Amino acid sequence: MRHILAGLLLCPVAGLAAPGDSPWAPDHAFVQYGRQTDTQAVTLGLTRDWSWSRPLGSGLLSGYHELALGRWRSDVPEGHENFTQFGYTPALRWWSGGAPAGFFVEAGIGLNYVTPRFRTVDKRVGSNLTFGDHLGAGWRSTGGMEVSLRFQHFSNGGLNEPNPAVDFWQLRLGIPL
């Protein structure tokens, strides 16, 4: 199973790199803060813009790959507990000006592993493996700095019970590398 998941994750990475370019060289780093009722999250990560893009309406459709490492702090019956989140997410991004700068909207879905198994006072997630999907909007300067607001939903997709939603509002700052 691990080999199948690794292949699914690596195929789009290799296929979207520019010819002669390393698919592993990130072009942005980010820090984001997220919050839900009883949990706060700080996430650091790297992104790589796709070399693929297509005109769509008055804008440009492209995307990016994201690798994330997050630290969640949750209220639990005993007080507080910390959780670590590792994730990979490919995301589509639509640029309003027809170039990769200015206003954008985006959507993505990826795989995440949260350890130990996530819980709060009111929730227990049935597995460490979760899917994370998000919707966001933001702005990138011509120099590459980004700021965005995202809504991200984590769940295990019904693979195991229980499957309560873990939903975060996130504020993100991206820095070009």
Foldseek 3Di string as FASTA:
>chain_A
DVVVVVVVQVVVLVVQDDVPDDSPDFFKKKWKWKDDDFKIKIKIWTKHWGPDWDDDDQWIKTWIKIWMWMWMWGAAPVGIDIKIKTWIKIKMKIDNNHDPFFKIKMKIKIKMFIPPQDDYHPDGAFHRIKMKIKIKIWGAHPQGKIKMWMKIWIWRVPPGPPTDIDIITMIMIMDTD
